[in-house]
Amino acid sequence: MHSLLAIHPGIWLKSEIIESKGIAIGALANAFGVSRQSVSAILNGRSALSADMAIRFEKLFDVKADTLCRMQTAFDLANARAREKDIKVDKRQLAA
C-alpha cells in the first residue's frame, strides 16, 4: 500500500467520529479509564493504537477493533516501506 493511502487509525477516529460527535478528549479518556495524554497521542497520530485501545473504541463506537488494528498495521508498514532503503540486513551472517 502506498504511504499516502495508509492513514493512522487515531487520526481517522478523530476526524470521522470524535470531532463529528463533539466529544472532548478528556471525556473520552475518562470513558476509557486512561489518561488524557494517551488518548490525545493516539488521536493526533503520535502513538500507535494498541489492540486494547482498539477494543475500547469498538465497545464505545461500534467500529471493529480488527479494522482499526489492520489500519495501524498498514500505516506502520507503509512508513517502514518509505524508509526501506535504510533497513539493512546481512545475509552473510547466516552462512554456515
Protein backbone atom coordinates (compact mmCIF):
# COMPACT_ATOMS: atom_id res chain seq x y z
CA MET A 1 0.00 0.00 0.00
CA HIS A 2 1.32 3.42 -0.89
CA SER A 3 2.07 5.54 2.17
CA LEU A 4 -0.39 8.21 1.01
CA LEU A 5 -3.21 5.66 1.25
CA ALA A 6 -2.33 4.49 4.76
CA ILE A 7 -3.87 6.67 7.43
CA HIS A 8 -3.15 6.45 11.14
CA PRO A 9 -6.27 4.98 12.79
CA GLY A 10 -6.21 7.62 15.52
CA ILE A 11 -6.33 10.45 13.01
CA TRP A 12 -9.20 8.70 11.22
CA LEU A 13 -11.07 8.16 14.50
CA LYS A 14 -10.55 11.79 15.47
CA SER A 15 -11.84 13.22 12.18
CA GLU A 16 -14.62 10.73 11.46
CA ILE A 17 -16.01 10.01 14.93
CA ILE A 18 -14.67 12.11 17.80
CA GLU A 19 -14.88 15.55 16.22
CA SER A 20 -18.13 14.82 14.38
CA LYS A 21 -19.77 13.84 17.67
CA GLY A 22 -18.22 16.77 19.53
CA ILE A 23 -16.58 14.55 22.13
CA ALA A 24 -13.89 16.11 24.32
CA ILE A 25 -10.64 14.19 24.65
CA GLY A 26 -10.85 14.39 28.44
CA ALA A 27 -14.35 12.87 28.44
CA LEU A 28 -13.18 10.11 26.09
CA ALA A 29 -10.20 9.38 28.33
CA ASN A 30 -12.49 9.15 31.34
CA ALA A 31 -14.82 6.77 29.50
CA PHE A 32 -11.83 4.59 28.59
CA GLY A 33 -10.27 4.78 32.05
CA VAL A 34 -6.94 6.05 30.66
CA SER A 35 -5.03 9.31 30.70
CA ARG A 36 -5.97 12.25 28.52
CA GLN A 37 -2.40 12.32 27.23
CA SER A 38 -2.57 8.75 25.93
CA VAL A 39 -5.84 9.39 24.09
CA SER A 40 -4.52 12.66 22.67
CA ALA A 41 -1.33 10.97 21.44
CA ILE A 42 -3.35 8.32 19.61
CA LEU A 43 -5.87 10.73 18.10
CA ASN A 44 -3.08 13.01 16.88
CA GLY A 45 -1.07 10.15 15.37
CA ARG A 46 1.85 10.39 17.80
CA SER A 47 1.27 6.93 19.31
CA ALA A 48 0.25 3.64 17.79
CA LEU A 49 -3.21 2.28 18.51
CA SER A 50 -2.87 -0.86 20.64
CA ALA A 51 -5.25 -3.80 20.45
CA ASP A 52 -6.59 -2.89 23.90
CA MET A 53 -7.40 0.65 22.79
CA ALA A 54 -8.93 -0.65 19.57
CA ILE A 55 -11.31 -2.77 21.68
CA ARG A 56 -12.20 0.28 23.77
CA PHE A 57 -13.11 2.20 20.60
CA GLU A 58 -15.09 -0.81 19.37
CA LYS A 59 -17.09 -1.01 22.60
CA LEU A 60 -17.83 2.71 22.66
CA PHE A 61 -18.40 3.44 18.96
CA ASP A 62 -19.14 0.07 17.31
CA VAL A 63 -16.17 0.36 14.96
CA LYS A 64 -14.50 -3.04 14.59
CA ALA A 65 -11.25 -3.40 16.53
CA ASP A 66 -9.98 -5.70 13.78
CA THR A 67 -10.38 -2.92 11.23
CA LEU A 68 -8.58 -0.43 13.44
CA CYS A 69 -5.72 -2.88 14.03
CA ARG A 70 -5.42 -3.51 10.29
CA MET A 71 -5.30 0.25 9.72
CA GLN A 72 -2.47 0.53 12.26
CA THR A 73 -0.54 -2.32 10.63
CA ALA A 74 -0.99 -0.81 7.15
CA PHE A 75 0.17 2.57 8.45
CA ASP A 76 3.22 1.06 10.14
CA LEU A 77 4.16 -0.98 7.09
CA ALA A 78 3.76 1.98 4.73
CA ASN A 79 6.08 4.02 6.94
CA ALA A 80 8.63 1.19 7.05
CA ARG A 81 8.44 0.80 3.26
CA ALA A 82 9.08 4.52 2.88
CA ARG A 83 12.43 4.06 4.65
CA GLU A 84 13.11 0.56 3.33
CA LYS A 85 16.40 1.57 1.74
CA ASP A 86 17.74 2.42 5.20
CA ILE A 87 16.90 -1.01 6.62
CA LYS A 88 20.00 -3.17 6.35
CA VAL A 89 20.41 -6.93 6.66
CA ASP A 90 23.50 -9.06 6.14
CA LYS A 91 22.68 -12.45 4.64
CA ARG A 92 26.30 -13.50 5.02
CA GLN A 93 25.75 -13.80 8.77
CA LEU A 94 23.57 -16.87 8.10
CA ALA A 95 26.18 -18.71 6.04
CA ALA A 96 27.37 -21.88 7.69
